[in-house]
Amino acid sequence: MNLENVVMNCIKFQLGLKVEKIIESTEKSPDFLVQCGKYKYLIELKSKWTKKEFLKYREEELLSGKIFEEINPVGRKIHISRVVESACRQLKKSKIKADFKLVWLHAKGHNPYFQVEDFESTLYGREYIADWGDNKPLMYCYYFNNSDFYFHRNILDSAIVSDDQEMKLCLNTLSPRYKEFKKCKLREAFQNAVIDPVDDEIRSKVFSVGPEFDRNHGDVIDYLTKKYNLQRPMKMEMQQLSGTMLLPKK
């Protein structure tokens, strides 16, 4: 079963929504039209694979008996931004009327957990913040960096990120339709599998840089210090680490 059919089954059977595949034309168009209640949703599906050259190199290292180590810096990735930008162009050009527009980012690489983290960091400009003057745990800060949700706020209402095991809905809290989308059936269908920085900030689970902040004339750390009464906040340069080895068959 190809990825489009898998996604359609997820929408139809797991989320319980009506979905149809949009017929392709000479121009690139979104992939799906979803309908539930009084709303219609356009969805463009994008998948990210690991480059063949990298997989070949990885296989050679593993077959030689080595442990293959990977280090992935956490943060916004330009190559993912280009994918999101391409999806937004297709959504914007579509002549099909819809109330909301979404991109579905599916991780098909050899390490999908890394990819999903990159999807979310790119959409939200998300970073990790530690306050060394307090006993607060390490926390996410949304919109710390430039974010794709900000750049495409007038087009993109939300994003779905997934791998072969799970999926979640990422709300674009900067969209002018955020409050309306938050009440829709699609949002309800995801139940607790939702990222909503506004709700999480209210619960003191995350930090968030508000749209009123002027990045051209202000310091983000100084802004966070004043907004949350922090002591010594610092952005933490996080990395994802993995090691893989081949084991002999018994």
C-alpha atoms as a PDB file:
ATOM      1  CA  MET A   1       0.000   0.000   0.000  1.00  0.00           C
ATOM      2  CA  ASN A   2       1.444   3.378  -0.992  1.00  0.00           C
ATOM      3  CA  LEU A   3       1.737   6.283   1.432  1.00  0.00           C
ATOM      4  CA  GLU A   4      -1.261   8.186   0.052  1.00  0.00           C
ATOM      5  CA  ASN A   5      -3.539   5.201   0.660  1.00  0.00           C
ATOM      6  CA  VAL A   6      -2.111   4.745   4.152  1.00  0.00           C
ATOM      7  CA  VAL A   7      -2.845   8.389   4.953  1.00  0.00           C
ATOM      8  CA  MET A   8      -6.353   8.148   3.542  1.00  0.00           C
ATOM      9  CA  ASN A   9      -7.027   5.113   5.729  1.00  0.00           C
ATOM     10  CA  CYS A  10      -5.705   6.989   8.772  1.00  0.00           C
ATOM     11  CA  ILE A  11      -8.014   9.909   8.092  1.00  0.00           C
ATOM     12  CA  LYS A  12     -11.019   7.710   7.375  1.00  0.00           C
ATOM     13  CA  PHE A  13     -10.708   4.937   9.953  1.00  0.00           C
ATOM     14  CA  GLN A  14      -8.532   6.324  12.764  1.00  0.00           C
ATOM     15  CA  LEU A  15      -9.810   9.910  12.728  1.00  0.00           C
ATOM     16  CA  GLY A  16     -13.298   9.049  11.477  1.00  0.00           C
ATOM     17  CA  LEU A  17     -13.411  11.813   8.862  1.00  0.00           C
ATOM     18  CA  LYS A  18     -14.587  11.943   5.271  1.00  0.00           C
ATOM     19  CA  VAL A  19     -11.681  12.197   2.822  1.00  0.00           C
ATOM     20  CA  GLU A  20     -11.237  12.214  -0.928  1.00  0.00           C
ATOM     21  CA  LYS A  21      -8.119  12.161  -3.088  1.00  0.00           C
ATOM     22  CA  ILE A  22      -7.828  15.252  -5.262  1.00  0.00           C
ATOM     23  CA  ILE A  23      -7.357  14.335  -8.906  1.00  0.00           C
ATOM     24  CA  GLU A  24      -3.989  15.470 -10.225  1.00  0.00           C
ATOM     25  CA  SER A  25      -3.870  18.035 -13.014  1.00  0.00           C
ATOM     26  CA  THR A  26      -1.127  19.684 -15.069  1.00  0.00           C
ATOM     27  CA  GLU A  27      -0.324  21.911 -12.091  1.00  0.00           C
ATOM     28  CA  LYS A  28       0.669  20.565  -8.691  1.00  0.00           C
ATOM     29  CA  SER A  29      -2.261  20.585  -6.299  1.00  0.00           C
ATOM     30  CA  PRO A  30      -2.932  19.472  -2.706  1.00  0.00           C
ATOM     31  CA  ASP A  31      -3.445  15.756  -2.143  1.00  0.00           C
ATOM     32  CA  PHE A  32      -6.610  15.500  -0.037  1.00  0.00           C
ATOM     33  CA  LEU A  33      -9.868  17.236   0.705  1.00  0.00           C
ATOM     34  CA  VAL A  34     -11.238  16.359   4.125  1.00  0.00           C
ATOM     35  CA  GLN A  35     -14.701  17.248   5.341  1.00  0.00           C
ATOM     36  CA  CYS A  36     -16.275  17.034   8.767  1.00  0.00           C
ATOM     37  CA  GLY A  37     -19.060  19.064  10.219  1.00  0.00           C
ATOM     38  CA  LYS A  38     -19.332  22.441   8.549  1.00  0.00           C
ATOM     39  CA  TYR A  39     -15.627  22.679   7.655  1.00  0.00           C
ATOM     40  CA  LYS A  40     -13.484  21.574   4.724  1.00  0.00           C
ATOM     41  CA  TYR A  41      -9.725  21.036   4.931  1.00  0.00           C
ATOM     42  CA  LEU A  42      -7.085  20.955   2.206  1.00  0.00           C
ATOM     43  CA  ILE A  43      -4.109  18.748   3.027  1.00  0.00           C
ATOM     44  CA  GLU A  44      -0.815  18.484   1.170  1.00  0.00           C
ATOM     45  CA  LEU A  45       1.234  15.368   1.949  1.00  0.00           C
ATOM     46  CA  LYS A  46       5.035  15.510   2.021  1.00  0.00           C
ATOM     47  CA  SER A  47       7.396  12.692   2.993  1.00  0.00           C
ATOM     48  CA  LYS A  48      11.070  12.823   3.882  1.00  0.00           C
ATOM     49  CA  TRP A  49      13.398   9.923   3.154  1.00  0.00           C
ATOM     50  CA  THR A  50      17.038   9.348   3.992  1.00  0.00           C
ATOM     51  CA  LYS A  51      19.343   9.991   1.028  1.00  0.00           C
ATOM     52  CA  LYS A  52      20.405   6.806  -0.762  1.00  0.00           C
ATOM     53  CA  GLU A  53      24.076   7.790  -0.606  1.00  0.00           C
ATOM     54  CA  PHE A  54      23.901   8.057   3.177  1.00  0.00           C
ATOM     55  CA  LEU A  55      22.117   4.719   3.522  1.00  0.00           C
ATOM     56  CA  LYS A  56      24.763   3.048   1.346  1.00  0.00           C
ATOM     57  CA  TYR A  57      27.574   4.502   3.454  1.00  0.00           C
ATOM     58  CA  ARG A  58      25.764   3.476   6.653  1.00  0.00           C
ATOM     59  CA  GLU A  59      25.319  -0.085   5.387  1.00  0.00           C
ATOM     60  CA  GLU A  60      29.001  -0.352   4.447  1.00  0.00           C
ATOM     61  CA  GLU A  61      30.054   0.793   7.924  1.00  0.00           C
ATOM     62  CA  LEU A  62      27.698  -1.676   9.626  1.00  0.00           C
ATOM     63  CA  LEU A  63      28.795  -4.589   7.432  1.00  0.00           C
ATOM     64  CA  SER A  64      32.405  -3.852   8.322  1.00  0.00           C
ATOM     65  CA  GLY A  65      31.533  -4.500  11.974  1.00  0.00           C
ATOM     66  CA  LYS A  66      31.637  -0.897  13.141  1.00  0.00           C
ATOM     67  CA  ILE A  67      29.168   0.860  15.406  1.00  0.00           C
ATOM     68  CA  PHE A  68      27.495   3.541  13.301  1.00  0.00           C
ATOM     69  CA  GLU A  69      27.147   6.687  15.379  1.00  0.00           C
ATOM     70  CA  GLU A  70      24.932   9.646  14.475  1.00  0.00           C
ATOM     71  CA  ILE A  71      24.720  13.140  15.957  1.00  0.00           C
ATOM     72  CA  ASN A  72      21.787  15.317  14.949  1.00  0.00           C
ATOM     73  CA  PRO A  73      21.718  18.922  16.236  1.00  0.00           C
ATOM     74  CA  VAL A  74      18.193  19.827  17.339  1.00  0.00           C
ATOM     75  CA  GLY A  75      16.699  22.893  15.681  1.00  0.00           C
ATOM     76  CA  ARG A  76      15.208  24.383  12.559  1.00  0.00           C
ATOM     77  CA  LYS A  77      16.321  22.734   9.315  1.00  0.00           C
ATOM     78  CA  ILE A  78      16.413  24.659   6.036  1.00  0.00           C
ATOM     79  CA  HIS A  79      15.726  21.595   3.883  1.00  0.00           C
ATOM     80  CA  ILE A  80      12.498  20.971   5.810  1.00  0.00           C
ATOM     81  CA  SER A  81      11.530  24.640   5.453  1.00  0.00           C
ATOM     82  CA  ARG A  82      11.824  24.245   1.694  1.00  0.00           C
ATOM     83  CA  VAL A  83       9.451  21.285   1.807  1.00  0.00           C
ATOM     84  CA  VAL A  84       6.929  23.268   3.869  1.00  0.00           C
ATOM     85  CA  GLU A  85       7.273  26.237   1.510  1.00  0.00           C
ATOM     86  CA  SER A  86       6.572  23.988  -1.484  1.00  0.00           C
ATOM     87  CA  ALA A  87       3.463  22.618   0.234  1.00  0.00           C
ATOM     88  CA  CYS A  88       2.232  26.133   0.999  1.00  0.00           C
ATOM     89  CA  ARG A  89       2.621  27.167  -2.634  1.00  0.00           C
ATOM     90  CA  GLN A  90       0.414  24.257  -3.673  1.00  0.00           C
ATOM     91  CA  LEU A  91      -2.158  25.046  -0.999  1.00  0.00           C
ATOM     92  CA  LYS A  92      -2.218  28.729  -1.962  1.00  0.00           C
ATOM     93  CA  LYS A  93      -2.633  28.067  -5.684  1.00  0.00           C
ATOM     94  CA  SER A  94      -5.445  25.571  -5.251  1.00  0.00           C
ATOM     95  CA  LYS A  95      -8.831  26.697  -6.593  1.00  0.00           C
ATOM     96  CA  ILE A  96     -10.658  24.283  -4.305  1.00  0.00           C
ATOM     97  CA  LYS A  97     -12.509  26.158  -1.584  1.00  0.00           C
ATOM     98  CA  ALA A  98     -11.652  25.111   1.958  1.00  0.00           C
ATOM     99  CA  ASP A  99     -11.856  26.614   5.424  1.00  0.00           C
ATOM    100  CA  PHE A 100      -8.446  25.410   6.604  1.00  0.00           C
ATOM    101  CA  LYS A 101      -5.162  24.333   5.030  1.00  0.00           C
ATOM    102  CA  LEU A 102      -2.638  21.854   6.408  1.00  0.00           C
ATOM    103  CA  VAL A 103       0.622  20.162   5.484  1.00  0.00           C
ATOM    104  CA  TRP A 104       1.153  16.529   6.475  1.00  0.00           C
ATOM    105  CA  LEU A 105       4.852  15.750   7.078  1.00  0.00           C
ATOM    106  CA  HIS A 106       5.644  12.036   7.181  1.00  0.00           C
ATOM    107  CA  ALA A 107       8.997  10.681   8.337  1.00  0.00           C
ATOM    108  CA  LYS A 108      10.163   7.762   6.163  1.00  0.00           C
ATOM    109  CA  GLY A 109      13.878   7.913   6.937  1.00  0.00           C
ATOM    110  CA  HIS A 110      15.968   5.308   8.737  1.00  0.00           C
ATOM    111  CA  ASN A 111      15.631   7.296  11.990  1.00  0.00           C
ATOM    112  CA  PRO A 112      12.098   8.748  11.984  1.00  0.00           C
ATOM    113  CA  TYR A 113      12.274   9.971  15.594  1.00  0.00           C
ATOM    114  CA  PHE A 114      15.011  12.417  14.569  1.00  0.00           C
ATOM    115  CA  GLN A 115      12.924  13.580  11.624  1.00  0.00           C
ATOM    116  CA  VAL A 116       9.767  14.187  13.653  1.00  0.00           C
ATOM    117  CA  GLU A 117      11.758  16.303  16.125  1.00  0.00           C
ATOM    118  CA  ASP A 118      13.149  18.275  13.178  1.00  0.00           C
ATOM    119  CA  PHE A 119       9.655  18.747  11.718  1.00  0.00           C
ATOM    120  CA  GLU A 120       8.375  20.251  14.959  1.00  0.00           C
ATOM    121  CA  SER A 121      11.463  22.417  15.549  1.00  0.00           C
ATOM    122  CA  THR A 122      11.216  23.819  12.029  1.00  0.00           C
ATOM    123  CA  LEU A 123       7.494  24.543  12.181  1.00  0.00           C
ATOM    124  CA  TYR A 124       7.707  26.223  15.589  1.00  0.00           C
ATOM    125  CA  GLY A 125      11.272  27.613  15.716  1.00  0.00           C
ATOM    126  CA  ARG A 126      11.508  25.580  18.911  1.00  0.00           C
ATOM    127  CA  GLU A 127      14.516  25.475  21.232  1.00  0.00           C
ATOM    128  CA  TYR A 128      15.324  24.217  24.736  1.00  0.00           C
ATOM    129  CA  ILE A 129      15.719  26.733  27.568  1.00  0.00           C
ATOM    130  CA  ALA A 130      17.281  26.147  30.978  1.00  0.00           C
ATOM    131  CA  ASP A 131      17.005  28.632  33.862  1.00  0.00           C
ATOM    132  CA  TRP A 132      20.152  28.139  35.918  1.00  0.00           C
ATOM    133  CA  GLY A 133      18.947  30.450  38.671  1.00  0.00           C
ATOM    134  CA  ASP A 134      15.996  28.244  39.530  1.00  0.00           C
ATOM    135  CA  ASN A 135      15.136  24.581  39.900  1.00  0.00           C
ATOM    136  CA  LYS A 136      12.852  24.585  36.881  1.00  0.00           C
ATOM    137  CA  PRO A 137      13.293  21.679  34.477  1.00  0.00           C
ATOM    138  CA  LEU A 138      14.574  22.092  30.943  1.00  0.00           C
ATOM    139  CA  MET A 139      11.641  23.445  28.907  1.00  0.00           C
ATOM    140  CA  TYR A 140      10.689  23.950  25.289  1.00  0.00           C
ATOM    141  CA  CYS A 141      10.522  27.519  24.018  1.00  0.00           C
ATOM    142  CA  TYR A 142       8.255  27.959  21.028  1.00  0.00           C
ATOM    143  CA  TYR A 143       8.967  30.639  18.391  1.00  0.00           C
ATOM    144  CA  PHE A 144      12.445  31.237  19.838  1.00  0.00           C
ATOM    145  CA  ASN A 145      13.870  31.154  16.314  1.00  0.00           C
ATOM    146  CA  ASN A 146      12.320  32.003  12.973  1.00  0.00           C
ATOM    147  CA  SER A 147       9.476  29.559  12.369  1.00  0.00           C
ATOM    148  CA  ASP A 148       7.682  28.254   9.318  1.00  0.00           C
ATOM    149  CA  PHE A 149       4.367  28.728  11.078  1.00  0.00           C
ATOM    150  CA  TYR A 150       5.127  32.448  11.304  1.00  0.00           C
ATOM    151  CA  PHE A 151       6.303  32.757   7.707  1.00  0.00           C
ATOM    152  CA  HIS A 152       3.215  30.947   6.395  1.00  0.00           C
ATOM    153  CA  ARG A 153       0.700  32.055   9.044  1.00  0.00           C
ATOM    154  CA  ASN A 154      -1.758  33.382   6.452  1.00  0.00           C
ATOM    155  CA  ILE A 155      -1.826  30.036   4.619  1.00  0.00           C
ATOM    156  CA  LEU A 156      -0.984  27.245   7.038  1.00  0.00           C
ATOM    157  CA  ASP A 157      -3.456  26.600   9.849  1.00  0.00           C
ATOM    158  CA  SER A 158      -1.878  23.443  11.227  1.00  0.00           C
ATOM    159  CA  ALA A 159       0.422  20.569  10.383  1.00  0.00           C
ATOM    160  CA  ILE A 160       0.250  16.843  10.942  1.00  0.00           C
ATOM    161  CA  VAL A 161       3.558  15.119  11.679  1.00  0.00           C
ATOM    162  CA  SER A 162       3.854  11.352  11.615  1.00  0.00           C
ATOM    163  CA  ASP A 163       5.982   8.269  11.230  1.00  0.00           C
ATOM    164  CA  ASP A 164       4.885   4.682  10.684  1.00  0.00           C
ATOM    165  CA  GLN A 165       3.875   4.330  14.356  1.00  0.00           C
ATOM    166  CA  GLU A 166       2.086   7.514  15.381  1.00  0.00           C
ATOM    167  CA  MET A 167       0.872  10.946  14.326  1.00  0.00           C
ATOM    168  CA  LYS A 168       0.137  14.240  16.025  1.00  0.00           C
ATOM    169  CA  LEU A 169      -1.467  17.554  15.155  1.00  0.00           C
ATOM    170  CA  CYS A 170       0.578  20.751  15.472  1.00  0.00           C
ATOM    171  CA  LEU A 171      -1.590  23.872  15.777  1.00  0.00           C
ATOM    172  CA  ASN A 172      -0.364  27.090  14.210  1.00  0.00           C
ATOM    173  CA  THR A 173      -1.183  29.507  17.019  1.00  0.00           C
ATOM    174  CA  LEU A 174      -0.086  32.409  14.794  1.00  0.00           C
ATOM    175  CA  SER A 175      -2.748  31.704  12.171  1.00  0.00           C
ATOM    176  CA  PRO A 176      -5.591  34.266  12.160  1.00  0.00           C
ATOM    177  CA  ARG A 177      -7.928  31.246  12.152  1.00  0.00           C
ATOM    178  CA  TYR A 178      -6.336  29.569  15.193  1.00  0.00           C
ATOM    179  CA  LYS A 179      -9.251  30.064  17.602  1.00  0.00           C
ATOM    180  CA  GLU A 180     -11.743  28.774  15.053  1.00  0.00           C
ATOM    181  CA  PHE A 181      -9.584  25.783  14.115  1.00  0.00           C
ATOM    182  CA  LYS A 182      -9.144  24.888  17.766  1.00  0.00           C
ATOM    183  CA  LYS A 183     -12.886  24.125  18.018  1.00  0.00           C
ATOM    184  CA  CYS A 184     -13.179  22.079  14.811  1.00  0.00           C
ATOM    185  CA  LYS A 185     -13.827  18.343  14.480  1.00  0.00           C
ATOM    186  CA  LEU A 186     -10.372  17.619  13.072  1.00  0.00           C
ATOM    187  CA  ARG A 187      -8.812  19.017  16.232  1.00  0.00           C
ATOM    188  CA  GLU A 188     -11.196  16.898  18.326  1.00  0.00           C
ATOM    189  CA  ALA A 189     -10.343  13.775  16.333  1.00  0.00           C
ATOM    190  CA  PHE A 190      -6.711  13.926  17.485  1.00  0.00           C
ATOM    191  CA  GLN A 191      -7.800  14.002  21.149  1.00  0.00           C
ATOM    192  CA  ASN A 192      -4.594  14.382  23.228  1.00  0.00           C
ATOM    193  CA  ALA A 193      -2.161  13.955  20.325  1.00  0.00           C
ATOM    194  CA  VAL A 194      -1.973  17.708  19.810  1.00  0.00           C
ATOM    195  CA  ILE A 195       0.730  20.348  20.224  1.00  0.00           C
ATOM    196  CA  ASP A 196      -0.793  23.678  21.238  1.00  0.00           C
ATOM    197  CA  PRO A 197       1.813  26.137  22.597  1.00  0.00           C
ATOM    198  CA  VAL A 198      -0.881  28.525  23.853  1.00  0.00           C
ATOM    199  CA  ASP A 199      -2.494  25.879  26.054  1.00  0.00           C
ATOM    200  CA  ASP A 200       0.872  24.546  27.193  1.00  0.00           C
ATOM    201  CA  GLU A 201       2.061  28.041  28.121  1.00  0.00           C
ATOM    202  CA  ILE A 202      -1.070  28.620  30.209  1.00  0.00           C
ATOM    203  CA  ARG A 203      -0.255  25.395  32.081  1.00  0.00           C
ATOM    204  CA  SER A 204       3.353  26.615  32.598  1.00  0.00           C
ATOM    205  CA  LYS A 205       4.661  23.638  30.627  1.00  0.00           C
ATOM    206  CA  VAL A 206       6.545  25.690  27.996  1.00  0.00           C
ATOM    207  CA  PHE A 207       7.919  29.126  27.216  1.00  0.00           C
ATOM    208  CA  SER A 208       6.753  31.010  24.147  1.00  0.00           C
ATOM    209  CA  VAL A 209       7.922  34.130  22.335  1.00  0.00           C
ATOM    210  CA  GLY A 210       4.845  36.213  21.531  1.00  0.00           C
ATOM    211  CA  PRO A 211       4.098  37.791  18.140  1.00  0.00           C
ATOM    212  CA  GLU A 212       4.569  41.241  19.691  1.00  0.00           C
ATOM    213  CA  PHE A 213       8.321  40.638  20.058  1.00  0.00           C
ATOM    214  CA  ASP A 214      10.451  42.516  17.481  1.00  0.00           C
ATOM    215  CA  ARG A 215      13.363  40.261  16.547  1.00  0.00           C
ATOM    216  CA  ASN A 216      15.109  43.069  14.681  1.00  0.00           C
ATOM    217  CA  HIS A 217      15.442  45.248  17.770  1.00  0.00           C
ATOM    218  CA  GLY A 218      15.335  42.894  20.740  1.00  0.00           C
ATOM    219  CA  ASP A 219      17.117  40.029  22.457  1.00  0.00           C
ATOM    220  CA  VAL A 220      15.071  36.855  22.861  1.00  0.00           C
ATOM    221  CA  ILE A 221      16.711  35.801  26.119  1.00  0.00           C
ATOM    222  CA  ASP A 222      16.125  39.246  27.625  1.00  0.00           C
ATOM    223  CA  TYR A 223      12.482  39.044  26.507  1.00  0.00           C
ATOM    224  CA  LEU A 224      12.031  35.637  28.178  1.00  0.00           C
ATOM    225  CA  THR A 225      13.735  36.836  31.359  1.00  0.00           C
ATOM    226  CA  LYS A 226      11.267  39.687  31.762  1.00  0.00           C
ATOM    227  CA  LYS A 227       8.185  37.788  30.608  1.00  0.00           C
ATOM    228  CA  TYR A 228       8.652  34.798  32.938  1.00  0.00           C
ATOM    229  CA  ASN A 229      10.726  36.425  35.692  1.00  0.00           C
ATOM    230  CA  LEU A 230      13.640  34.081  35.037  1.00  0.00           C
ATOM    231  CA  GLN A 231      16.991  34.227  36.793  1.00  0.00           C
ATOM    232  CA  ARG A 232      19.661  33.024  34.371  1.00  0.00           C
ATOM    233  CA  PRO A 233      17.987  31.575  31.270  1.00  0.00           C
ATOM    234  CA  MET A 234      20.121  30.007  28.577  1.00  0.00           C
ATOM    235  CA  LYS A 235      19.396  28.368  25.260  1.00  0.00           C
ATOM    236  CA  MET A 236      20.697  24.805  25.324  1.00  0.00           C
ATOM    237  CA  GLU A 237      22.270  23.448  22.149  1.00  0.00           C
ATOM    238  CA  MET A 238      20.708  20.001  22.214  1.00  0.00           C
ATOM    239  CA  GLN A 239      21.716  17.028  20.110  1.00  0.00           C
ATOM    240  CA  GLN A 240      20.150  13.689  19.329  1.00  0.00           C
ATOM    241  CA  LEU A 241      22.537  10.739  19.503  1.00  0.00           C
ATOM    242  CA  SER A 242      22.181   7.225  18.207  1.00  0.00           C
ATOM    243  CA  GLY A 243      24.381   4.182  17.730  1.00  0.00           C
ATOM    244  CA  THR A 244      23.620   1.186  15.532  1.00  0.00           C
ATOM    245  CA  MET A 245      25.401  -2.138  15.135  1.00  0.00           C
ATOM    246  CA  LEU A 246      24.724  -5.439  13.453  1.00  0.00           C
ATOM    247  CA  LEU A 247      24.378  -8.536  15.603  1.00  0.00           C
ATOM    248  CA  PRO A 248      25.158 -12.043  14.343  1.00  0.00           C
ATOM    249  CA  LYS A 249      22.221 -14.361  13.830  1.00  0.00           C
ATOM    250  CA  LYS A 250      21.860 -17.112  16.402  1.00  0.00           C
END
